Amino acid sequence: MASITAMGAALLAPMALAKPKQPSSVKPPNFIIILADDLGYGDMSVTGSRAIKTPNIDRMAQDGLLMSDAYASANICTPSRAGLLTGRYPIRTGLGWQVIQANDENGLPPSEVTIAEMLGKDYRSALIGKWHLGHVAPYWPPTVQGFDLFFGLPYSHDMKPLSLYSAGDGVEFTQEDVDMVRLTQRFFDRAGEFVAASQNQPFFLMLALTAPHIPLHPHPDHHGHSAAGDYGDVVEEIDARVGTLRQQLEQLGLAENTYVFITSDNGPWFEGSSGPLRDRKGGAGWDGGYRVPLVAWAPGRIAPASTSNALTMNIDFLPTLAALAGRPLPANVAIDGKDISQILHHGGPSPHDELLLFDNEKVAAVRTDQWKFVARSYYREYDIPLAAMGANLLFDVRADPSENYNIAARHPDIVKDMRARFERARANFEPLARHVAPEKIPIASPKPAPKAEPMP
């Protein structure tokens, strides 16, 4: 992984294995997940960006844990968010297909158990920012899924009509016009109010930003500052506000009893950097659409200057937060995520033997610790089922994180194992698809070249 090591901050330096001190408080810990929208793997200076400066996030990583092999559960936002909140591959929730549009009437089924519902009434829970898991009854507002407070948007800010909503206990359900330039500021301000109001009881805050998803609307205080244009300005505003939130936690005496996670819902779209990774958001089986930055900060619990290349996915949040809070997992529900608290606290190995990457409702790739088997890609308008066509694309992602060189011919035993994993995953999950399309080889025969016309 020399190319990633060169990205800065000794990304794959040995994990600090010193056992963190035990927190003095017996109160269950607080949890904050800061979820950026379309933030790329290479869009923070701690992960290699030279054009975007993120000193506050960098300091969180230096004082906590930087994870290099964290994945989103989808390469687009609706299914990824469903996976994060439920701990389940999105195809199980019925939201594995595309993203919810403004005129859609589907959403996260009420039968699904979210992190907020798992934590229960012992926790005060808020979702501030973008929901994008259904904006009509019975999926709306997010307070129907265990959140005590919602302040945010129903879906992406490039969809119309668009309003900013408030809902929750003691809050009148309201909507208002959206000031796009100050939207990130308002989300962080409301998050700060929630933290201050909840400081005497355990809380869970899902701060689901709309930035840096396009269109970009830099705040005047940050506009024109970044060498990465408006995109960089927007990311640098996020960084500045992360610093303010950290300062608030420290001033309120909450830092040593709070876990803060900073990550993204998928890879970058038309702007942003996927670092050394191949492809971008929506890019079938390649890592650039799925692998995301992940910083974890919890003073006294997570050793400073820690790094880990253990495999994780955003479906791990629910079982991990359950373990940290001493809560049981949802009963009679298949949970695909794993408890990664040993990674957070002690630098343990990944509890995952494999991770599955889905492109819509098709298995697109299988990742193990060293190997990646890519089953789907795109070429122009074609969705190419490479594995179904008999192709074996095998990559040693520890040595070749960019997935540039297929070494299947050199490792037939590994190919046999990875293909078996792929076929097993297809058999287990693809029957759950809501949008069934027959697998075929969608490549037309080349047309004959036209006859050359004589020059005039």
Protein backbone atom coordinates (compact mmCIF):
# COMPACT_ATOMS: atom_id res chain seq x y z
CA MET A 1 0.00 0.00 0.00
CA ALA A 2 2.91 2.31 -0.64
CA SER A 3 0.76 4.64 -2.72
CA ILE A 4 -1.63 5.21 0.17
CA THR A 5 1.19 5.58 2.68
CA ALA A 6 2.47 8.46 0.57
CA MET A 7 -0.91 10.19 0.94
CA GLY A 8 0.20 11.63 4.26
CA ALA A 9 -0.23 11.24 7.99
CA ALA A 10 1.41 7.78 7.96
CA LEU A 11 -1.96 6.34 7.04
CA LEU A 12 -0.92 2.74 7.39
CA ALA A 13 1.52 3.12 10.24
CA PRO A 14 1.23 0.38 12.87
CA MET A 15 -1.86 0.70 15.03
CA ALA A 16 -1.17 2.16 18.46
CA LEU A 17 -1.85 -0.79 20.72
CA ALA A 18 -1.61 0.91 24.09
CA LYS A 19 -4.76 0.13 26.02
CA PRO A 20 -6.76 3.34 26.41
CA LYS A 21 -7.54 4.41 29.94
CA GLN A 22 -10.94 3.50 31.24
CA PRO A 23 -13.34 6.43 31.33
CA SER A 24 -14.27 7.63 34.79
CA SER A 25 -17.94 8.04 33.97
CA VAL A 26 -20.33 5.12 34.18
CA LYS A 27 -22.90 6.98 32.11
CA PRO A 28 -23.48 5.32 28.71
CA PRO A 29 -21.43 7.06 26.03
CA ASN A 30 -22.75 9.63 23.61
CA PHE A 31 -22.44 9.08 19.84
CA ILE A 32 -22.06 11.58 17.01
CA ILE A 33 -21.84 10.47 13.38
CA ILE A 34 -20.90 13.29 11.02
CA LEU A 35 -21.87 12.00 7.58
CA ALA A 36 -20.66 14.10 4.66
CA ASP A 37 -22.42 13.75 1.31
CA ASP A 38 -20.11 12.64 -1.56
CA LEU A 39 -16.88 13.45 0.29
CA GLY A 40 -14.10 11.58 -1.49
CA TYR A 41 -11.49 9.29 0.01
CA GLY A 42 -8.77 11.80 -0.92
CA ASP A 43 -10.58 15.00 0.06
CA MET A 44 -9.01 15.58 3.48
CA SER A 45 -5.42 16.62 4.01
CA VAL A 46 -4.95 13.73 6.43
CA THR A 47 -5.80 11.34 3.56
CA GLY A 48 -3.60 13.07 1.03
CA SER A 49 -5.31 16.19 -0.29
CA ARG A 50 -2.89 18.98 -1.16
CA ALA A 51 -5.55 21.40 -2.35
CA ILE A 52 -8.01 21.12 0.57
CA LYS A 53 -6.92 21.99 4.10
CA THR A 54 -8.70 20.20 6.94
CA PRO A 55 -6.69 20.97 10.11
CA ASN A 56 -9.52 20.23 12.52
CA ILE A 57 -10.37 16.83 11.07
CA ASP A 58 -6.65 16.11 10.84
CA ARG A 59 -6.33 16.89 14.55
CA MET A 60 -9.27 14.60 15.32
CA ALA A 61 -7.45 11.84 13.45
CA GLN A 62 -4.18 12.61 15.24
CA ASP A 63 -5.98 12.46 18.58
CA GLY A 64 -7.95 9.37 17.58
CA LEU A 65 -8.12 6.71 14.88
CA LEU A 66 -7.80 6.95 11.11
CA MET A 67 -9.19 3.95 9.21
CA SER A 68 -8.00 3.33 5.66
CA ASP A 69 -10.25 0.45 4.57
CA ALA A 70 -13.72 1.65 5.52
CA TYR A 71 -16.53 1.13 3.04
CA ALA A 72 -20.00 2.52 2.49
CA SER A 73 -22.68 -0.10 1.92
CA ALA A 74 -23.53 1.38 -1.48
CA ASN A 75 -22.01 3.63 -4.11
CA ILE A 76 -25.00 6.03 -4.01
CA CYS A 77 -26.73 7.74 -1.12
CA THR A 78 -30.20 6.29 -0.36
CA PRO A 79 -29.06 2.67 -0.02
CA SER A 80 -25.89 3.70 1.80
CA ARG A 81 -27.89 5.61 4.41
CA ALA A 82 -30.29 2.70 4.80
CA GLY A 83 -27.33 0.41 5.41
CA LEU A 84 -25.75 2.74 7.96
CA LEU A 85 -28.88 3.19 10.05
CA THR A 86 -30.03 -0.46 10.02
CA GLY A 87 -26.78 -2.45 10.03
CA ARG A 88 -28.07 -4.41 7.03
CA TYR A 89 -27.08 -4.63 3.39
CA PRO A 90 -29.52 -2.22 1.71
CA ILE A 91 -31.03 -4.90 -0.52
CA ARG A 92 -32.61 -6.38 2.62
CA THR A 93 -34.51 -3.13 3.31
CA GLY A 94 -35.99 -2.76 -0.17
CA LEU A 95 -33.85 0.34 -0.78
CA GLY A 96 -31.07 -1.23 -2.80
CA TRP A 97 -32.26 0.24 -6.09
CA GLN A 98 -31.18 3.74 -7.19
CA VAL A 99 -32.04 6.74 -4.98
CA ILE A 100 -35.38 8.08 -3.88
CA GLN A 101 -36.56 10.89 -6.15
CA ALA A 102 -38.82 13.82 -5.26
CA ASN A 103 -41.87 12.17 -6.85
CA ASP A 104 -41.26 8.72 -5.33
CA GLU A 105 -43.46 7.26 -2.62
CA ASN A 106 -41.21 4.55 -1.20
CA GLY A 107 -38.98 4.66 1.84
CA LEU A 108 -37.35 2.82 4.72
CA PRO A 109 -39.98 0.34 5.97
CA PRO A 110 -41.24 1.10 9.50
CA SER A 111 -40.43 -2.50 10.39
CA GLU A 112 -36.72 -1.75 9.99
CA VAL A 113 -34.91 -0.95 13.25
CA THR A 114 -32.66 2.10 13.11
CA ILE A 115 -29.77 3.00 15.40
CA ALA A 116 -32.08 5.46 17.17
CA GLU A 117 -34.68 2.75 17.80
CA MET A 118 -32.01 0.27 18.92
CA LEU A 119 -30.64 2.74 21.49
CA GLY A 120 -34.16 3.28 22.77
CA LYS A 121 -35.63 5.86 25.11
CA ASP A 122 -32.56 5.84 27.34
CA TYR A 123 -30.96 7.92 24.59
CA ARG A 124 -32.07 11.22 23.12
CA SER A 125 -31.62 10.95 19.35
CA ALA A 126 -31.53 13.56 16.61
CA LEU A 127 -31.16 13.47 12.86
CA ILE A 128 -29.97 16.82 11.60
CA GLY A 129 -29.42 17.22 7.87
CA LYS A 130 -30.39 15.04 4.94
CA TRP A 131 -32.80 12.11 5.41
CA HIS A 132 -33.38 10.72 1.89
CA LEU A 133 -35.11 7.57 3.14
CA GLY A 134 -38.68 8.50 2.25
CA HIS A 135 -40.62 11.76 2.41
CA VAL A 136 -44.24 10.57 2.49
CA ALA A 137 -46.10 8.62 5.16
CA PRO A 138 -45.38 6.15 6.70
CA TYR A 139 -41.66 6.87 6.14
CA TRP A 140 -41.70 10.54 7.07
CA PRO A 141 -40.62 12.45 9.07
CA PRO A 142 -37.60 10.64 10.58
CA THR A 143 -39.23 10.86 14.02
CA VAL A 144 -41.26 7.78 12.94
CA GLN A 145 -37.96 5.85 13.01
CA GLY A 146 -36.94 6.57 16.60
CA PHE A 147 -35.49 10.08 16.37
CA ASP A 148 -36.66 12.57 18.97
CA LEU A 149 -35.67 15.51 16.79
CA PHE A 150 -35.39 16.11 13.07
CA PHE A 151 -34.11 19.28 11.45
CA GLY A 152 -33.23 19.00 7.80
CA LEU A 153 -34.12 18.14 4.23
CA PRO A 154 -36.23 15.27 2.90
CA TYR A 155 -33.74 14.42 0.14
CA SER A 156 -30.78 15.81 -1.80
CA HIS A 157 -30.60 19.57 -2.16
CA ASP A 158 -30.51 19.32 -5.97
CA MET A 159 -34.11 18.02 -5.97
CA LYS A 160 -37.24 20.14 -6.15
CA PRO A 161 -39.43 21.19 -4.42
CA LEU A 162 -37.13 21.76 -1.47
CA SER A 163 -37.89 22.92 2.06
CA LEU A 164 -36.20 22.74 5.43
CA TYR A 165 -38.26 20.89 8.04
CA SER A 166 -38.37 20.67 11.82
CA ALA A 167 -40.09 17.90 13.75
CA GLY A 168 -39.88 16.20 17.12
CA ASP A 169 -40.84 16.16 20.77
CA GLY A 170 -41.92 19.63 21.77
CA VAL A 171 -41.20 20.94 18.26
CA GLU A 172 -43.96 22.11 15.97
CA PHE A 173 -43.76 20.41 12.57
CA THR A 174 -42.73 23.25 10.29
CA GLN A 175 -41.13 23.91 6.95
CA GLU A 176 -39.20 26.92 5.70
CA ASP A 177 -37.24 28.11 2.70
CA VAL A 178 -33.67 26.92 2.34
CA ASP A 179 -30.74 29.32 2.48
CA MET A 180 -28.26 27.13 0.63
CA VAL A 181 -25.26 29.34 1.38
CA ARG A 182 -25.78 28.98 5.14
CA LEU A 183 -27.22 25.46 5.23
CA THR A 184 -24.11 23.74 6.63
CA GLN A 185 -23.84 26.47 9.26
CA ARG A 186 -27.47 25.95 10.28
CA PHE A 187 -27.01 22.20 10.55
CA PHE A 188 -23.99 22.57 12.82
CA ASP A 189 -25.67 25.33 14.86
CA ARG A 190 -28.72 23.11 15.42
CA ALA A 191 -26.42 20.21 16.29
CA GLY A 192 -24.72 22.38 18.89
CA GLU A 193 -28.08 23.30 20.40
CA PHE A 194 -29.01 19.61 20.58
CA VAL A 195 -25.73 18.70 22.29
CA ALA A 196 -26.12 21.48 24.84
CA ALA A 197 -29.72 20.49 25.60
CA SER A 198 -28.80 16.79 25.89
CA GLN A 199 -25.62 17.07 27.96
CA ASN A 200 -27.17 15.50 31.07
CA GLN A 201 -28.37 12.33 29.35
CA PRO A 202 -26.93 9.96 26.76
CA PHE A 203 -27.49 11.17 23.21
CA PHE A 204 -27.08 10.03 19.62
CA LEU A 205 -26.62 12.66 16.92
CA MET A 206 -26.68 11.82 13.24
CA LEU A 207 -25.36 14.96 11.53
CA ALA A 208 -26.03 14.13 7.87
CA LEU A 209 -24.66 17.03 5.86
CA THR A 210 -25.68 17.91 2.32
CA ALA A 211 -22.13 19.05 1.51
CA PRO A 212 -20.02 18.62 -0.55
CA HIS A 213 -22.69 17.17 -2.88
CA ILE A 214 -23.21 19.46 -5.87
CA PRO A 215 -24.53 22.12 -6.44
CA LEU A 216 -21.94 23.89 -4.33
CA HIS A 217 -22.81 26.94 -2.25
CA PRO A 218 -19.75 28.18 -0.31
CA HIS A 219 -20.35 30.21 2.82
CA PRO A 220 -19.05 33.82 2.49
CA ASP A 221 -16.56 33.23 5.30
CA HIS A 222 -14.90 30.45 3.27
CA HIS A 223 -15.60 31.41 -0.34
CA GLY A 224 -12.47 31.74 -2.44
CA HIS A 225 -10.11 30.36 0.19
CA SER A 226 -9.37 26.87 -1.15
CA ALA A 227 -7.12 25.91 -4.04
CA ALA A 228 -9.76 23.27 -4.84
CA GLY A 229 -12.37 25.84 -5.90
CA ASP A 230 -15.89 25.95 -4.53
CA TYR A 231 -15.70 22.25 -3.65
CA GLY A 232 -12.67 22.88 -1.46
CA ASP A 233 -14.34 25.92 0.12
CA VAL A 234 -17.32 23.78 1.13
CA VAL A 235 -15.13 21.02 2.61
CA GLU A 236 -13.06 23.57 4.50
CA GLU A 237 -16.24 25.01 6.01
CA ILE A 238 -17.19 21.51 7.20
CA ASP A 239 -13.74 21.22 8.77
CA ALA A 240 -14.01 24.55 10.56
CA ARG A 241 -17.39 23.64 12.01
CA VAL A 242 -16.12 20.23 13.10
CA GLY A 243 -13.52 22.15 15.11
CA THR A 244 -16.23 24.26 16.75
CA LEU A 245 -18.25 21.17 17.65
CA ARG A 246 -15.21 19.53 19.21
CA GLN A 247 -14.53 22.67 21.22
CA GLN A 248 -18.11 22.62 22.50
CA LEU A 249 -17.80 18.98 23.60
CA GLU A 250 -14.60 19.80 25.46
CA GLN A 251 -16.04 22.91 27.13
CA LEU A 252 -19.13 20.99 28.29
CA GLY A 253 -17.00 18.20 29.71
CA LEU A 254 -18.49 15.68 27.27
CA ALA A 255 -15.42 14.80 25.23
CA GLU A 256 -14.30 11.81 27.29
CA ASN A 257 -17.74 10.24 27.16
CA THR A 258 -18.47 10.82 23.48
CA TYR A 259 -17.55 8.92 20.34
CA VAL A 260 -17.36 11.07 17.22
CA PHE A 261 -17.16 9.47 13.77
CA ILE A 262 -16.49 11.43 10.58
CA THR A 263 -17.20 9.70 7.29
CA SER A 264 -19.01 9.93 3.94
CA ASP A 265 -22.03 8.21 2.40
CA ASN A 266 -20.11 7.17 -0.73
CA GLY A 267 -17.30 8.28 -3.02
CA PRO A 268 -17.08 11.63 -4.83
CA TRP A 269 -19.38 12.51 -7.71
CA PHE A 270 -18.37 15.03 -10.41
CA GLU A 271 -15.96 16.87 -8.15
CA GLY A 272 -13.72 15.70 -5.36
CA SER A 273 -10.98 13.10 -5.20
CA SER A 274 -11.09 9.35 -4.69
CA GLY A 275 -7.35 9.48 -3.99
CA PRO A 276 -5.54 6.43 -5.39
CA LEU A 277 -8.80 4.50 -5.79
CA ARG A 278 -10.41 3.58 -9.10
CA ASP A 279 -13.62 5.25 -10.29
CA ARG A 280 -16.14 7.37 -8.37
CA LYS A 281 -19.67 7.44 -6.98
CA GLY A 282 -21.93 5.01 -8.82
CA GLY A 283 -18.98 3.29 -10.48
CA ALA A 284 -20.01 -0.37 -10.23
CA GLY A 285 -17.51 -2.67 -8.49
CA TRP A 286 -14.49 -0.35 -8.15
CA ASP A 287 -13.40 0.99 -4.77
CA GLY A 288 -13.63 4.69 -5.63
CA GLY A 289 -17.40 4.62 -5.22
CA TYR A 290 -17.45 2.74 -1.91
CA ARG A 291 -14.29 3.31 0.08
CA VAL A 292 -14.69 6.37 2.27
CA PRO A 293 -12.67 8.30 4.83
CA LEU A 294 -13.37 7.34 8.44
CA VAL A 295 -12.04 9.12 11.52
CA ALA A 296 -13.03 7.97 15.02
CA TRP A 297 -12.37 10.17 18.06
CA ALA A 298 -13.06 9.32 21.69
CA PRO A 299 -10.52 10.70 24.19
CA GLY A 300 -9.63 8.17 26.87
CA ARG A 301 -11.18 5.34 24.87
CA ILE A 302 -9.44 5.46 21.50
CA ALA A 303 -5.66 5.78 21.69
CA PRO A 304 -4.30 8.88 19.90
CA ALA A 305 -2.37 8.63 16.64
CA SER A 306 -3.98 5.26 15.88
CA THR A 307 -4.38 3.88 12.38
CA SER A 308 -5.97 0.71 11.10
CA ASN A 309 -6.42 -1.00 7.76
CA ALA A 310 -8.97 -3.48 9.12
CA LEU A 311 -12.01 -3.97 6.88
CA THR A 312 -15.10 -2.11 8.04
CA MET A 313 -18.37 -0.90 6.50
CA ASN A 314 -20.99 1.61 7.57
CA ILE A 315 -23.31 -1.32 8.42
CA ASP A 316 -20.99 -1.78 11.43
CA PHE A 317 -22.27 1.35 13.17
CA LEU A 318 -25.44 -0.23 14.55
CA PRO A 319 -23.86 -3.33 16.15
CA THR A 320 -20.85 -1.31 17.36
CA LEU A 321 -22.96 1.39 19.01
CA ALA A 322 -25.14 -1.35 20.50
CA ALA A 323 -22.09 -2.96 22.09
CA LEU A 324 -20.70 0.34 23.37
CA ALA A 325 -24.07 1.33 24.85
CA GLY A 326 -24.75 -2.12 26.29
CA ARG A 327 -27.87 -2.52 24.18
CA PRO A 328 -29.07 -5.77 22.59
CA LEU A 329 -29.21 -6.13 18.84
CA PRO A 330 -32.66 -6.03 17.24
CA ALA A 331 -34.41 -9.36 17.72
CA ASN A 332 -35.28 -11.63 14.79
CA VAL A 333 -33.41 -9.41 12.33
CA ALA A 334 -30.49 -10.42 10.11
CA ILE A 335 -27.72 -7.94 10.93
CA ASP A 336 -24.86 -7.92 8.39
CA GLY A 337 -22.68 -5.45 10.27
CA LYS A 338 -20.20 -6.43 12.96
CA ASP A 339 -19.10 -4.94 16.27
CA ILE A 340 -15.80 -3.15 15.57
CA SER A 341 -15.24 -1.84 19.09
CA GLN A 342 -12.11 -3.99 19.43
CA ILE A 343 -10.66 -2.17 16.42
CA LEU A 344 -11.52 1.17 17.97
CA HIS A 345 -10.06 0.38 21.37
CA HIS A 346 -7.26 -2.08 20.79
CA GLY A 347 -6.41 -2.19 17.11
CA GLY A 348 -7.91 -5.63 16.71
CA PRO A 349 -8.43 -7.39 13.39
CA SER A 350 -11.55 -6.98 11.32
CA PRO A 351 -14.49 -9.17 12.36
CA HIS A 352 -15.38 -9.41 8.64
CA ASP A 353 -14.20 -12.37 6.62
CA GLU A 354 -15.53 -10.55 3.57
CA LEU A 355 -17.47 -7.49 2.49
CA LEU A 356 -19.96 -7.43 -0.37
CA LEU A 357 -20.28 -4.44 -2.67
CA PHE A 358 -23.62 -3.99 -4.41
CA ASP A 359 -24.37 -1.94 -7.49
CA ASN A 360 -28.11 -1.40 -7.18
CA GLU A 361 -29.40 -4.92 -6.51
CA LYS A 362 -26.53 -6.84 -8.09
CA VAL A 363 -23.43 -8.07 -6.29
CA ALA A 364 -20.67 -6.02 -7.88
CA ALA A 365 -17.57 -7.15 -5.97
CA VAL A 366 -16.28 -9.16 -3.03
CA ARG A 367 -13.52 -7.81 -0.77
CA THR A 368 -11.47 -9.84 1.70
CA ASP A 369 -8.48 -8.60 3.67
CA GLN A 370 -6.02 -8.89 0.77
CA TRP A 371 -8.13 -9.63 -2.28
CA LYS A 372 -10.83 -8.00 -4.36
CA PHE A 373 -12.95 -9.85 -6.94
CA VAL A 374 -14.66 -7.39 -9.28
CA ALA A 375 -17.83 -8.70 -10.90
CA ARG A 376 -19.36 -5.65 -12.59
CA SER A 377 -18.24 -2.54 -14.43
CA TYR A 378 -19.55 0.04 -16.89
CA TYR A 379 -18.55 0.94 -20.42
CA ARG A 380 -20.43 3.81 -22.02
CA GLU A 381 -24.13 2.90 -21.66
CA TYR A 382 -23.42 -0.74 -20.87
CA ASP A 383 -23.59 -2.37 -17.45
CA ILE A 384 -21.14 -5.19 -17.97
CA PRO A 385 -21.58 -8.33 -15.81
CA LEU A 386 -17.94 -9.34 -16.04
CA ALA A 387 -18.17 -12.35 -13.76
CA ALA A 388 -21.32 -13.62 -15.46
CA MET A 389 -19.47 -13.41 -18.76
CA GLY A 390 -16.78 -15.70 -17.36
CA ALA A 391 -14.17 -13.03 -16.70
CA ASN A 392 -12.09 -13.28 -13.53
CA LEU A 393 -10.83 -9.93 -12.27
CA LEU A 394 -8.72 -10.40 -9.18
CA PHE A 395 -6.74 -7.62 -7.49
CA ASP A 396 -4.32 -7.63 -4.59
CA VAL A 397 -5.66 -4.43 -3.04
CA ARG A 398 -2.94 -4.31 -0.42
CA ALA A 399 -0.30 -4.03 -3.13
CA ASP A 400 -2.49 -2.41 -5.81
CA PRO A 401 -5.20 -0.24 -4.19
CA SER A 402 -5.97 1.36 -7.55
CA GLU A 403 -7.13 -2.00 -8.94
CA ASN A 404 -5.03 -1.51 -12.05
CA TYR A 405 -3.58 -4.97 -12.58
CA ASN A 406 -5.57 -8.19 -12.82
CA ILE A 407 -3.50 -11.05 -11.39
CA ALA A 408 -6.10 -13.81 -11.63
CA ALA A 409 -3.91 -15.96 -13.86
CA ARG A 410 -1.26 -16.12 -11.15
CA HIS A 411 -3.59 -17.17 -8.34
CA PRO A 412 -6.07 -19.80 -9.57
CA ASP A 413 -6.80 -21.03 -6.02
CA ILE A 414 -7.65 -17.51 -4.86
CA VAL A 415 -9.84 -17.01 -7.93
CA LYS A 416 -11.69 -20.24 -7.15
CA ASP A 417 -12.34 -19.10 -3.58
CA MET A 418 -13.37 -15.55 -4.54
CA ARG A 419 -15.68 -16.71 -7.31
CA ALA A 420 -17.30 -19.15 -4.89
CA ARG A 421 -17.86 -16.26 -2.48
CA PHE A 422 -19.37 -14.21 -5.29
CA GLU A 423 -21.74 -16.96 -6.40
CA ARG A 424 -22.79 -17.62 -2.82
CA ALA A 425 -23.50 -13.91 -2.29
CA ARG A 426 -25.58 -13.78 -5.48
CA ALA A 427 -27.58 -16.81 -4.38
CA ASN A 428 -28.19 -15.34 -0.92
CA PHE A 429 -29.02 -11.75 -1.82
CA GLU A 430 -30.09 -11.24 -5.42
CA PRO A 431 -33.39 -13.14 -4.91
CA LEU A 432 -34.30 -10.26 -2.54
CA ALA A 433 -34.20 -7.79 -5.45
CA ARG A 434 -37.28 -5.67 -6.10
CA HIS A 435 -36.19 -4.77 -9.63
CA VAL A 436 -35.25 -8.02 -11.32
CA ALA A 437 -33.38 -7.82 -14.61
CA PRO A 438 -32.12 -10.92 -16.41
CA GLU A 439 -28.35 -11.20 -16.62
CA LYS A 440 -27.06 -10.94 -20.14
CA ILE A 441 -24.05 -9.85 -22.10
CA PRO A 442 -25.08 -6.36 -23.20
CA ILE A 443 -22.47 -5.77 -25.87
CA ALA A 444 -23.64 -5.30 -29.43
CA SER A 445 -21.68 -6.62 -32.39
CA PRO A 446 -19.50 -3.89 -33.89
CA LYS A 447 -20.98 -2.18 -36.89
CA PRO A 448 -19.01 -2.32 -40.15
CA ALA A 449 -17.05 0.80 -40.87
CA PRO A 450 -18.66 3.07 -43.48
CA LYS A 451 -17.10 3.22 -46.88
CA ALA A 452 -14.65 6.04 -47.30
CA GLU A 453 -15.94 8.86 -49.48
CA PRO A 454 -13.56 10.26 -52.12
CA MET A 455 -11.98 13.56 -51.23
CA PRO A 456 -13.46 16.48 -53.17
